[in-house]
Amino acid sequence: MLINKKNKNFCLNIIILIIIALTLISCSNLKDLKKLKNTENFSKNYINNNIYNNSITQISQDDFEQLIQLINAKSKIMKQYNNWKNVIYKLGGTTKKGIDCSSFVQQTFFEQFGIQLPRTTSEQEFSGKSVKRKSLKIGDIVLFKINNTLKHVGIYIGDEKFIHASTSNGVIISKITNSYWNKKYYTGRRIINNI
C-alpha cells in the first residue's frame, strides 16, 4: 500500500504524540498526576486504575484521546506563542509591530484552530461557554477585570499559566496565581468544545 506524504506526516505526528503522552504518563509522579486529574478532568476510572497501580495498560480509549487532544492543543498554542513572544503591546494593534490582548487571542484561535472569535475582549467574554476556574482546561480563554471598564484576556495553557499580550511586557506567559492576576481574575470561557 502506498502512503502519500500527507498520510505519512499524519502518522508521524500521531506517533510523536503517543510517545509524548506515554512519556508524560510514565515520568509523572503521584503529585503531578493528581494535579492533572484536578486540572484536566480525567475520568475516575483512569485515576483509580493508573495512579495507584502505576500502570498505563488500563487507560481508556477516551482518556487517551483526551490526553492527545490536550497535548495537541497546547503544542498549537505554544507554536503561536513562539511566533509572537516579546512582541510589544499596542492598543488596537494586530501585527508583530504591536498587538493587543484580544487580537492575540483572536489570531491564535483562527490561525491554530480555525475558530473565528470576535475582535474585542468585551465580545470575547461571551464566546463559548462559561467555565469555573477550577475546571479550566488548556485552550480556554481567561478574562480579568482590570477596573470597572477595562478587561484583559489570555489563553490558559495549564499549570495555572496563561499566554497573553501584556500591556507592560508584550506577549508573555504569566501565572494566574500571581498576586496581581489572582485578584483580577474574572471568568473562563471554553471555546474548543472537544477538549
N, C-alpha and C. Protein backbone atom coordinates (compact mmCIF):
# COMPACT_ATOMS: atom_id res chain seq x y z
N MET A 1 0.84 -1.17 0.00
CA MET A 1 0.00 0.00 0.00
C MET A 1 0.89 1.25 0.00
N LEU A 2 0.58 2.15 -0.86
CA LEU A 2 1.35 3.38 -0.95
C LEU A 2 0.84 4.38 0.08
N ILE A 3 1.79 5.04 0.76
CA ILE A 3 1.43 6.07 1.74
C ILE A 3 1.86 7.41 1.16
N ASN A 4 0.87 8.29 0.95
CA ASN A 4 1.23 9.60 0.43
C ASN A 4 1.86 10.44 1.53
N LYS A 5 2.43 11.57 1.13
CA LYS A 5 3.17 12.42 2.07
C LYS A 5 2.28 12.92 3.20
N LYS A 6 1.04 13.28 2.90
CA LYS A 6 0.11 13.78 3.91
C LYS A 6 -0.16 12.70 4.97
N ASN A 7 -0.43 11.47 4.52
CA ASN A 7 -0.69 10.38 5.46
C ASN A 7 0.57 10.05 6.27
N LYS A 8 1.72 10.11 5.62
CA LYS A 8 2.97 9.83 6.32
C LYS A 8 3.20 10.86 7.43
N ASN A 9 2.98 12.15 7.12
CA ASN A 9 3.13 13.20 8.13
C ASN A 9 2.13 13.03 9.26
N PHE A 10 0.90 12.66 8.91
CA PHE A 10 -0.12 12.44 9.93
C PHE A 10 0.30 11.30 10.85
N CYS A 11 0.76 10.20 10.27
CA CYS A 11 1.20 9.05 11.06
C CYS A 11 2.38 9.42 11.97
N LEU A 12 3.33 10.16 11.43
CA LEU A 12 4.47 10.60 12.25
C LEU A 12 4.02 11.49 13.40
N ASN A 13 3.08 12.39 13.14
CA ASN A 13 2.55 13.25 14.20
C ASN A 13 1.86 12.44 15.29
N ILE A 14 1.09 11.44 14.89
CA ILE A 14 0.40 10.58 15.86
C ILE A 14 1.42 9.82 16.70
N ILE A 15 2.45 9.28 16.06
CA ILE A 15 3.49 8.54 16.79
C ILE A 15 4.19 9.46 17.79
N ILE A 16 4.51 10.67 17.36
CA ILE A 16 5.16 11.63 18.26
C ILE A 16 4.25 11.96 19.44
N LEU A 17 2.97 12.20 19.17
CA LEU A 17 2.03 12.50 20.25
C LEU A 17 1.89 11.32 21.22
N ILE A 18 1.87 10.10 20.70
CA ILE A 18 1.78 8.93 21.56
C ILE A 18 3.02 8.83 22.44
N ILE A 19 4.17 9.04 21.87
CA ILE A 19 5.42 8.98 22.65
C ILE A 19 5.40 10.04 23.74
N ILE A 20 4.97 11.25 23.39
CA ILE A 20 4.89 12.33 24.39
C ILE A 20 3.91 11.95 25.49
N ALA A 21 2.75 11.45 25.10
CA ALA A 21 1.74 11.09 26.10
C ALA A 21 2.25 9.99 27.03
N LEU A 22 2.86 8.97 26.45
CA LEU A 22 3.39 7.88 27.28
C LEU A 22 4.50 8.37 28.19
N THR A 23 5.34 9.26 27.68
CA THR A 23 6.42 9.81 28.50
C THR A 23 5.85 10.61 29.65
N LEU A 24 4.85 11.44 29.35
CA LEU A 24 4.23 12.24 30.42
C LEU A 24 3.60 11.35 31.48
N ILE A 25 2.93 10.30 31.04
CA ILE A 25 2.27 9.41 31.99
C ILE A 25 3.29 8.63 32.81
N SER A 26 4.30 8.09 32.16
CA SER A 26 5.25 7.24 32.87
C SER A 26 6.24 8.02 33.72
N CYS A 27 6.53 9.28 33.37
CA CYS A 27 7.51 10.06 34.11
C CYS A 27 6.90 10.91 35.21
N SER A 28 5.61 11.04 35.21
CA SER A 28 4.98 11.89 36.21
C SER A 28 4.93 11.17 37.55
N ASN A 29 5.07 11.93 38.62
CA ASN A 29 4.93 11.33 39.93
C ASN A 29 3.48 11.43 40.38
N LEU A 30 3.16 10.85 41.52
CA LEU A 30 1.80 10.81 42.01
C LEU A 30 1.22 12.21 42.17
N LYS A 31 1.99 13.14 42.70
CA LYS A 31 1.52 14.52 42.90
C LYS A 31 1.16 15.16 41.57
N ASP A 32 2.00 14.99 40.55
CA ASP A 32 1.73 15.57 39.23
C ASP A 32 0.46 14.98 38.62
N LEU A 33 0.28 13.67 38.76
CA LEU A 33 -0.90 13.06 38.18
C LEU A 33 -2.16 13.47 38.92
N LYS A 34 -2.09 13.65 40.23
CA LYS A 34 -3.25 14.14 40.97
C LYS A 34 -3.60 15.54 40.49
N LYS A 35 -2.58 16.36 40.25
CA LYS A 35 -2.79 17.72 39.74
C LYS A 35 -3.44 17.66 38.36
N LEU A 36 -2.95 16.74 37.51
CA LEU A 36 -3.51 16.56 36.18
C LEU A 36 -4.98 16.17 36.28
N LYS A 37 -5.29 15.29 37.23
CA LYS A 37 -6.67 14.88 37.43
C LYS A 37 -7.55 16.08 37.73
N ASN A 38 -7.09 16.94 38.63
CA ASN A 38 -7.88 18.08 39.03
C ASN A 38 -8.01 19.11 37.92
N THR A 39 -6.95 19.38 37.19
CA THR A 39 -7.00 20.45 36.21
C THR A 39 -7.52 20.02 34.86
N GLU A 40 -7.40 18.78 34.51
CA GLU A 40 -7.79 18.36 33.17
C GLU A 40 -8.96 17.38 33.17
N ASN A 41 -9.58 17.13 34.33
CA ASN A 41 -10.80 16.33 34.45
C ASN A 41 -10.69 14.92 33.85
N PHE A 42 -9.61 14.23 34.14
CA PHE A 42 -9.52 12.86 33.68
C PHE A 42 -10.52 12.01 34.47
N SER A 43 -11.02 10.95 33.87
CA SER A 43 -12.08 10.17 34.50
C SER A 43 -11.58 9.46 35.75
N LYS A 44 -12.51 9.18 36.65
CA LYS A 44 -12.17 8.47 37.88
C LYS A 44 -11.59 7.10 37.56
N ASN A 45 -12.08 6.47 36.52
CA ASN A 45 -11.56 5.16 36.13
C ASN A 45 -10.07 5.23 35.81
N TYR A 46 -9.66 6.23 35.05
CA TYR A 46 -8.25 6.39 34.71
C TYR A 46 -7.41 6.64 35.96
N ILE A 47 -7.89 7.52 36.82
CA ILE A 47 -7.14 7.86 38.03
C ILE A 47 -7.00 6.62 38.92
N ASN A 48 -8.10 5.93 39.17
CA ASN A 48 -8.05 4.76 40.05
C ASN A 48 -7.18 3.65 39.48
N ASN A 49 -7.29 3.41 38.20
CA ASN A 49 -6.56 2.30 37.60
C ASN A 49 -5.10 2.61 37.32
N ASN A 50 -4.75 3.86 37.14
CA ASN A 50 -3.41 4.17 36.69
C ASN A 50 -2.52 4.86 37.71
N ILE A 51 -3.06 5.75 38.52
CA ILE A 51 -2.19 6.39 39.50
C ILE A 51 -1.79 5.40 40.57
N TYR A 52 -2.76 4.71 41.10
CA TYR A 52 -2.48 3.85 42.24
C TYR A 52 -1.83 2.53 41.84
N ASN A 53 -2.10 2.06 40.65
CA ASN A 53 -1.45 0.84 40.18
C ASN A 53 -0.18 1.13 39.39
N ASN A 54 0.09 2.42 39.13
CA ASN A 54 1.25 2.85 38.36
C ASN A 54 1.34 2.09 37.04
N SER A 55 0.21 2.02 36.34
CA SER A 55 0.13 1.26 35.10
C SER A 55 -0.50 2.11 34.01
N ILE A 56 0.00 1.96 32.80
CA ILE A 56 -0.63 2.67 31.69
C ILE A 56 -1.44 1.72 30.80
N THR A 57 -1.45 0.46 31.15
CA THR A 57 -2.15 -0.50 30.30
C THR A 57 -3.66 -0.41 30.44
N GLN A 58 -4.16 0.20 31.51
CA GLN A 58 -5.59 0.24 31.73
C GLN A 58 -6.22 1.57 31.33
N ILE A 59 -5.48 2.43 30.69
CA ILE A 59 -6.02 3.72 30.27
C ILE A 59 -7.12 3.48 29.23
N SER A 60 -8.21 4.21 29.38
CA SER A 60 -9.31 4.03 28.44
C SER A 60 -9.01 4.77 27.13
N GLN A 61 -9.67 4.35 26.09
CA GLN A 61 -9.51 4.99 24.79
C GLN A 61 -9.90 6.47 24.85
N ASP A 62 -11.02 6.77 25.53
CA ASP A 62 -11.48 8.16 25.64
C ASP A 62 -10.47 9.02 26.38
N ASP A 63 -9.92 8.50 27.49
CA ASP A 63 -8.95 9.27 28.25
C ASP A 63 -7.67 9.49 27.45
N PHE A 64 -7.25 8.48 26.72
CA PHE A 64 -6.05 8.61 25.91
C PHE A 64 -6.27 9.65 24.81
N GLU A 65 -7.43 9.60 24.16
CA GLU A 65 -7.73 10.58 23.11
C GLU A 65 -7.80 11.99 23.69
N GLN A 66 -8.35 12.13 24.90
CA GLN A 66 -8.41 13.44 25.54
C GLN A 66 -7.00 13.95 25.84
N LEU A 67 -6.13 13.07 26.30
CA LEU A 67 -4.75 13.45 26.57
C LEU A 67 -4.07 13.92 25.29
N ILE A 68 -4.26 13.19 24.21
CA ILE A 68 -3.66 13.56 22.92
C ILE A 68 -4.21 14.91 22.46
N GLN A 69 -5.51 15.15 22.62
CA GLN A 69 -6.10 16.43 22.23
C GLN A 69 -5.53 17.58 23.05
N LEU A 70 -5.34 17.35 24.35
CA LEU A 70 -4.76 18.39 25.20
C LEU A 70 -3.32 18.70 24.77
N ILE A 71 -2.56 17.66 24.50
CA ILE A 71 -1.17 17.86 24.06
C ILE A 71 -1.15 18.60 22.73
N ASN A 72 -2.03 18.21 21.82
CA ASN A 72 -2.11 18.85 20.51
C ASN A 72 -2.51 20.33 20.65
N ALA A 73 -3.50 20.61 21.49
CA ALA A 73 -3.93 22.00 21.71
C ALA A 73 -2.80 22.82 22.31
N LYS A 74 -2.12 22.26 23.31
CA LYS A 74 -1.04 23.02 23.94
C LYS A 74 0.09 23.27 22.95
N SER A 75 0.41 22.28 22.12
CA SER A 75 1.51 22.48 21.17
C SER A 75 1.14 23.56 20.15
N LYS A 76 -0.13 23.63 19.74
CA LYS A 76 -0.55 24.68 18.81
C LYS A 76 -0.46 26.06 19.47
N ILE A 77 -0.90 26.15 20.72
CA ILE A 77 -0.85 27.43 21.42
C ILE A 77 0.60 27.85 21.64
N MET A 78 1.46 26.90 21.99
CA MET A 78 2.87 27.22 22.21
C MET A 78 3.56 27.61 20.90
N LYS A 79 3.14 27.00 19.80
CA LYS A 79 3.68 27.38 18.49
C LYS A 79 3.36 28.85 18.22
N GLN A 80 2.12 29.24 18.49
CA GLN A 80 1.72 30.63 18.30
C GLN A 80 2.51 31.54 19.23
N TYR A 81 2.66 31.12 20.47
CA TYR A 81 3.43 31.91 21.43
C TYR A 81 4.86 32.12 20.94
N ASN A 82 5.50 31.04 20.48
CA ASN A 82 6.88 31.16 20.00
C ASN A 82 7.01 32.10 18.81
N ASN A 83 5.96 32.18 18.00
CA ASN A 83 5.97 33.11 16.87
C ASN A 83 5.75 34.56 17.30
N TRP A 84 5.15 34.77 18.48
CA TRP A 84 4.76 36.12 18.90
C TRP A 84 5.44 36.59 20.18
N LYS A 85 6.18 35.74 20.87
CA LYS A 85 6.69 36.14 22.18
C LYS A 85 7.54 37.41 22.08
N ASN A 86 7.36 38.24 23.07
CA ASN A 86 8.04 39.53 23.20
C ASN A 86 7.60 40.60 22.20
N VAL A 87 6.60 40.30 21.36
CA VAL A 87 6.04 41.37 20.53
C VAL A 87 5.39 42.36 21.48
N ILE A 88 5.61 43.64 21.27
CA ILE A 88 5.12 44.65 22.20
C ILE A 88 3.61 44.79 22.15
N TYR A 89 3.06 45.28 23.25
CA TYR A 89 1.64 45.56 23.34
C TYR A 89 1.35 46.90 22.66
N LYS A 90 0.27 46.93 21.90
CA LYS A 90 -0.20 48.18 21.30
C LYS A 90 -1.72 48.11 21.25
N LEU A 91 -2.38 49.02 21.95
CA LEU A 91 -3.83 49.03 21.96
C LEU A 91 -4.36 49.15 20.53
N GLY A 92 -5.21 48.22 20.15
CA GLY A 92 -5.75 48.19 18.78
C GLY A 92 -4.83 47.54 17.78
N GLY A 93 -3.62 47.12 18.24
CA GLY A 93 -2.65 46.52 17.32
C GLY A 93 -3.02 45.11 16.91
N THR A 94 -2.65 44.77 15.67
CA THR A 94 -2.98 43.44 15.15
C THR A 94 -1.78 42.80 14.43
N THR A 95 -0.60 43.42 14.53
CA THR A 95 0.57 42.92 13.81
C THR A 95 1.74 42.71 14.77
N LYS A 96 2.85 42.21 14.23
CA LYS A 96 4.05 42.00 15.04
C LYS A 96 4.75 43.31 15.40
N LYS A 97 4.26 44.40 14.87
CA LYS A 97 4.76 45.71 15.29
C LYS A 97 4.10 46.13 16.60
N GLY A 98 3.07 45.43 17.00
CA GLY A 98 2.33 45.70 18.23
C GLY A 98 0.96 45.06 18.18
N ILE A 99 0.57 44.41 19.27
CA ILE A 99 -0.70 43.69 19.30
C ILE A 99 -1.35 43.86 20.66
N ASP A 100 -2.67 43.87 20.69
CA ASP A 100 -3.34 43.92 21.99
C ASP A 100 -3.83 42.53 22.37
N CYS A 101 -4.32 42.41 23.60
CA CYS A 101 -4.65 41.09 24.14
C CYS A 101 -5.74 40.36 23.35
N SER A 102 -6.79 41.08 22.98
CA SER A 102 -7.90 40.41 22.28
C SER A 102 -7.52 40.02 20.86
N SER A 103 -6.69 40.82 20.23
CA SER A 103 -6.23 40.48 18.88
C SER A 103 -5.34 39.25 18.91
N PHE A 104 -4.46 39.17 19.93
CA PHE A 104 -3.60 37.99 20.06
C PHE A 104 -4.45 36.72 20.24
N VAL A 105 -5.46 36.81 21.09
CA VAL A 105 -6.35 35.66 21.31
C VAL A 105 -7.10 35.32 20.03
N GLN A 106 -7.65 36.33 19.38
CA GLN A 106 -8.39 36.12 18.14
C GLN A 106 -7.52 35.45 17.08
N GLN A 107 -6.31 35.97 16.89
CA GLN A 107 -5.42 35.43 15.86
C GLN A 107 -4.96 34.01 16.20
N THR A 108 -4.71 33.74 17.48
CA THR A 108 -4.29 32.40 17.88
C THR A 108 -5.37 31.38 17.56
N PHE A 109 -6.60 31.68 17.93
CA PHE A 109 -7.68 30.72 17.68
C PHE A 109 -7.94 30.53 16.19
N PHE A 110 -7.82 31.59 15.41
CA PHE A 110 -8.05 31.45 13.98
C PHE A 110 -6.90 30.70 13.30
N GLU A 111 -5.67 31.11 13.58
CA GLU A 111 -4.50 30.51 12.91
C GLU A 111 -4.22 29.08 13.36
N GLN A 112 -4.47 28.76 14.61
CA GLN A 112 -4.12 27.44 15.12
C GLN A 112 -5.29 26.45 15.14
N PHE A 113 -6.52 26.96 15.26
CA PHE A 113 -7.68 26.06 15.38
C PHE A 113 -8.75 26.31 14.33
N GLY A 114 -8.59 27.37 13.52
CA GLY A 114 -9.60 27.68 12.51
C GLY A 114 -10.89 28.21 13.12
N ILE A 115 -10.82 28.73 14.34
CA ILE A 115 -12.00 29.24 15.04
C ILE A 115 -11.98 30.77 14.99
N GLN A 116 -13.08 31.34 14.49
CA GLN A 116 -13.18 32.79 14.40
C GLN A 116 -13.82 33.34 15.67
N LEU A 117 -13.07 34.14 16.40
CA LEU A 117 -13.58 34.81 17.59
C LEU A 117 -13.81 36.29 17.29
N PRO A 118 -14.68 36.94 18.07
CA PRO A 118 -14.84 38.38 17.91
C PRO A 118 -13.52 39.10 18.19
N ARG A 119 -13.43 40.35 17.76
CA ARG A 119 -12.18 41.11 17.87
C ARG A 119 -11.91 41.66 19.27
N THR A 120 -12.94 42.03 20.01
CA THR A 120 -12.70 42.72 21.28
C THR A 120 -12.91 41.82 22.49
N THR A 121 -12.25 42.20 23.58
CA THR A 121 -12.38 41.45 24.84
C THR A 121 -13.83 41.44 25.31
N SER A 122 -14.51 42.57 25.19
CA SER A 122 -15.90 42.64 25.65
C SER A 122 -16.82 41.71 24.86
N GLU A 123 -16.47 41.41 23.62
CA GLU A 123 -17.24 40.43 22.84
C GLU A 123 -16.75 39.01 23.12
N GLN A 124 -15.44 38.84 23.29
CA GLN A 124 -14.89 37.50 23.55
C GLN A 124 -15.38 36.93 24.87
N GLU A 125 -15.70 37.79 25.84
CA GLU A 125 -16.13 37.28 27.14
C GLU A 125 -17.46 36.55 27.07
N PHE A 126 -18.16 36.66 25.94
CA PHE A 126 -19.43 35.94 25.77
C PHE A 126 -19.30 34.79 24.76
N SER A 127 -18.10 34.54 24.27
CA SER A 127 -17.87 33.43 23.33
C SER A 127 -17.79 32.12 24.10
N GLY A 128 -18.16 31.04 23.44
CA GLY A 128 -18.06 29.72 24.06
C GLY A 128 -18.99 29.61 25.25
N LYS A 129 -18.57 28.76 26.22
CA LYS A 129 -19.41 28.59 27.41
C LYS A 129 -18.58 28.88 28.66
N SER A 130 -19.25 29.30 29.69
CA SER A 130 -18.61 29.66 30.95
C SER A 130 -17.97 28.43 31.61
N VAL A 131 -16.77 28.64 32.19
CA VAL A 131 -16.05 27.56 32.87
C VAL A 131 -15.55 28.09 34.21
N LYS A 132 -15.76 27.32 35.27
CA LYS A 132 -15.24 27.71 36.57
C LYS A 132 -13.72 27.61 36.57
N ARG A 133 -13.09 28.41 37.38
CA ARG A 133 -11.63 28.46 37.43
C ARG A 133 -11.02 27.09 37.72
N LYS A 134 -11.61 26.34 38.62
CA LYS A 134 -11.07 25.03 38.98
C LYS A 134 -11.24 24.00 37.85
N SER A 135 -12.05 24.34 36.86
CA SER A 135 -12.29 23.42 35.74
C SER A 135 -11.61 23.86 34.45
N LEU A 136 -10.75 24.86 34.51
CA LEU A 136 -10.07 25.33 33.30
C LEU A 136 -9.28 24.22 32.64
N LYS A 137 -9.29 24.21 31.31
CA LYS A 137 -8.50 23.27 30.52
C LYS A 137 -7.65 24.07 29.54
N ILE A 138 -6.62 23.41 29.06
CA ILE A 138 -5.76 24.02 28.05
C ILE A 138 -6.63 24.48 26.88
N GLY A 139 -6.42 25.74 26.45
CA GLY A 139 -7.18 26.29 25.34
C GLY A 139 -8.36 27.15 25.75
N ASP A 140 -8.73 27.12 27.03
CA ASP A 140 -9.80 28.01 27.49
C ASP A 140 -9.27 29.44 27.50
N ILE A 141 -10.17 30.40 27.28
CA ILE A 141 -9.73 31.78 27.45
C ILE A 141 -10.02 32.21 28.88
N VAL A 142 -9.13 33.04 29.41
CA VAL A 142 -9.28 33.54 30.77
C VAL A 142 -9.40 35.06 30.70
N LEU A 143 -10.33 35.59 31.47
CA LEU A 143 -10.59 37.02 31.46
C LEU A 143 -10.37 37.62 32.84
N PHE A 144 -9.91 38.86 32.82
CA PHE A 144 -9.57 39.58 34.04
C PHE A 144 -10.23 40.95 33.99
N LYS A 145 -10.74 41.40 35.15
CA LYS A 145 -11.30 42.75 35.28
C LYS A 145 -10.20 43.63 35.85
N ILE A 146 -9.67 44.49 35.02
CA ILE A 146 -8.60 45.39 35.45
C ILE A 146 -9.17 46.53 36.29
N ASN A 147 -10.30 47.07 35.84
CA ASN A 147 -11.04 48.06 36.61
C ASN A 147 -12.50 47.97 36.19
N ASN A 148 -13.30 48.96 36.50
CA ASN A 148 -14.74 48.87 36.19
C ASN A 148 -15.05 48.78 34.70
N THR A 149 -14.17 49.31 33.86
CA THR A 149 -14.46 49.31 32.42
C THR A 149 -13.47 48.50 31.60
N LEU A 150 -12.28 48.27 32.10
CA LEU A 150 -11.23 47.62 31.32
C LEU A 150 -11.09 46.15 31.67
N LYS A 151 -11.09 45.30 30.64
CA LYS A 151 -10.91 43.86 30.83
C LYS A 151 -9.71 43.39 30.02
N HIS A 152 -9.17 42.25 30.41
CA HIS A 152 -7.98 41.68 29.77
C HIS A 152 -8.27 40.21 29.49
N VAL A 153 -7.68 39.66 28.40
CA VAL A 153 -7.94 38.27 28.03
C VAL A 153 -6.63 37.58 27.66
N GLY A 154 -6.59 36.28 27.96
CA GLY A 154 -5.45 35.44 27.60
C GLY A 154 -5.92 34.02 27.34
N ILE A 155 -4.96 33.12 27.07
CA ILE A 155 -5.29 31.72 26.76
C ILE A 155 -4.63 30.83 27.80
N TYR A 156 -5.42 30.00 28.46
CA TYR A 156 -4.94 29.10 29.51
C TYR A 156 -4.11 27.97 28.89
N ILE A 157 -2.94 27.68 29.49
CA ILE A 157 -2.08 26.61 28.97
C ILE A 157 -1.79 25.52 30.01
N GLY A 158 -2.54 25.52 31.10
CA GLY A 158 -2.34 24.53 32.16
C GLY A 158 -1.39 25.02 33.23
N ASP A 159 -1.34 24.31 34.34
CA ASP A 159 -0.46 24.65 35.47
C ASP A 159 -0.64 26.08 35.95
N GLU A 160 -1.88 26.57 35.92
CA GLU A 160 -2.18 27.93 36.39
C GLU A 160 -1.46 29.01 35.57
N LYS A 161 -1.11 28.70 34.31
CA LYS A 161 -0.42 29.67 33.45
C LYS A 161 -1.30 30.03 32.26
N PHE A 162 -1.06 31.23 31.75
CA PHE A 162 -1.77 31.67 30.55
C PHE A 162 -0.85 32.54 29.70
N ILE A 163 -1.14 32.55 28.41
CA ILE A 163 -0.41 33.36 27.43
C ILE A 163 -1.27 34.56 27.10
N HIS A 164 -0.64 35.73 27.02
CA HIS A 164 -1.41 36.94 26.73
C HIS A 164 -0.47 38.04 26.25
N ALA A 165 -1.08 39.09 25.73
CA ALA A 165 -0.33 40.29 25.35
C ALA A 165 -0.46 41.27 26.52
N SER A 166 0.58 41.33 27.30
CA SER A 166 0.62 42.18 28.49
C SER A 166 0.93 43.62 28.11
N THR A 167 0.25 44.57 28.74
CA THR A 167 0.48 45.99 28.42
C THR A 167 1.91 46.39 28.73
N SER A 168 2.53 45.76 29.72
CA SER A 168 3.88 46.17 30.12
C SER A 168 5.00 45.33 29.49
N ASN A 169 4.72 44.07 29.15
CA ASN A 169 5.78 43.18 28.66
C ASN A 169 5.52 42.55 27.31
N GLY A 170 4.44 42.89 26.64
CA GLY A 170 4.13 42.28 25.35
C GLY A 170 3.63 40.86 25.52
N VAL A 171 3.82 40.03 24.51
CA VAL A 171 3.31 38.66 24.52
C VAL A 171 4.20 37.81 25.44
N ILE A 172 3.60 37.33 26.51
CA ILE A 172 4.34 36.58 27.53
C ILE A 172 3.46 35.49 28.13
N ILE A 173 4.08 34.68 28.99
CA ILE A 173 3.37 33.69 29.80
C ILE A 173 3.37 34.22 31.23
N SER A 174 2.19 34.20 31.86
CA SER A 174 2.06 34.62 33.25
C SER A 174 1.32 33.55 34.05
N LYS A 175 1.42 33.63 35.37
CA LYS A 175 0.70 32.73 36.26
C LYS A 175 -0.57 33.40 36.76
N ILE A 176 -1.68 32.69 36.69
CA ILE A 176 -2.94 33.20 37.22
C ILE A 176 -2.81 33.43 38.72
N THR A 177 -1.98 32.63 39.38
CA THR A 177 -1.83 32.73 40.83
C THR A 177 -0.95 33.91 41.26
N ASN A 178 -0.32 34.59 40.30
CA ASN A 178 0.42 35.82 40.60
C ASN A 178 -0.53 36.75 41.34
N SER A 179 -0.02 37.47 42.35
CA SER A 179 -0.90 38.28 43.20
C SER A 179 -1.75 39.27 42.38
N TYR A 180 -1.19 39.86 41.36
CA TYR A 180 -1.94 40.82 40.53
C TYR A 180 -3.06 40.10 39.77
N TRP A 181 -2.72 39.06 39.00
CA TRP A 181 -3.72 38.38 38.18
C TRP A 181 -4.75 37.63 39.02
N ASN A 182 -4.32 37.09 40.14
CA ASN A 182 -5.22 36.35 41.02
C ASN A 182 -6.37 37.25 41.50
N LYS A 183 -6.05 38.48 41.86
CA LYS A 183 -7.07 39.44 42.33
C LYS A 183 -7.98 39.90 41.19
N LYS A 184 -7.45 39.92 39.97
CA LYS A 184 -8.19 40.46 38.82
C LYS A 184 -8.97 39.39 38.05
N TYR A 185 -8.72 38.10 38.37
CA TYR A 185 -9.39 37.02 37.61
C TYR A 185 -10.90 37.22 37.65
N TYR A 186 -11.52 37.05 36.48
CA TYR A 186 -12.95 37.31 36.33
C TYR A 186 -13.72 36.04 35.94
N THR A 187 -13.32 35.42 34.83
CA THR A 187 -14.03 34.22 34.37
C THR A 187 -13.20 33.47 33.34
N GLY A 188 -13.61 32.25 33.05
CA GLY A 188 -13.03 31.44 31.98
C GLY A 188 -14.11 31.09 30.98
N ARG A 189 -13.70 30.91 29.73
CA ARG A 189 -14.65 30.52 28.68
C ARG A 189 -14.07 29.37 27.88
N ARG A 190 -14.87 28.34 27.65
CA ARG A 190 -14.45 27.20 26.84
C ARG A 190 -14.83 27.45 25.40
N ILE A 191 -13.80 27.56 24.55
CA ILE A 191 -14.00 27.84 23.13
C ILE A 191 -13.91 26.55 22.32
N ILE A 192 -12.94 25.71 22.68
CA ILE A 192 -12.74 24.44 21.96
C ILE A 192 -13.54 23.37 22.66
N ASN A 193 -14.60 22.89 22.00
CA ASN A 193 -15.56 22.00 22.65
C ASN A 193 -15.08 20.58 22.89
N ASN A 194 -14.23 20.05 22.03
CA ASN A 194 -13.90 18.63 22.12
C ASN A 194 -12.72 18.33 23.04
N ILE A 195 -12.29 19.30 23.84
CA ILE A 195 -11.20 19.03 24.78
C ILE A 195 -11.74 18.99 26.17
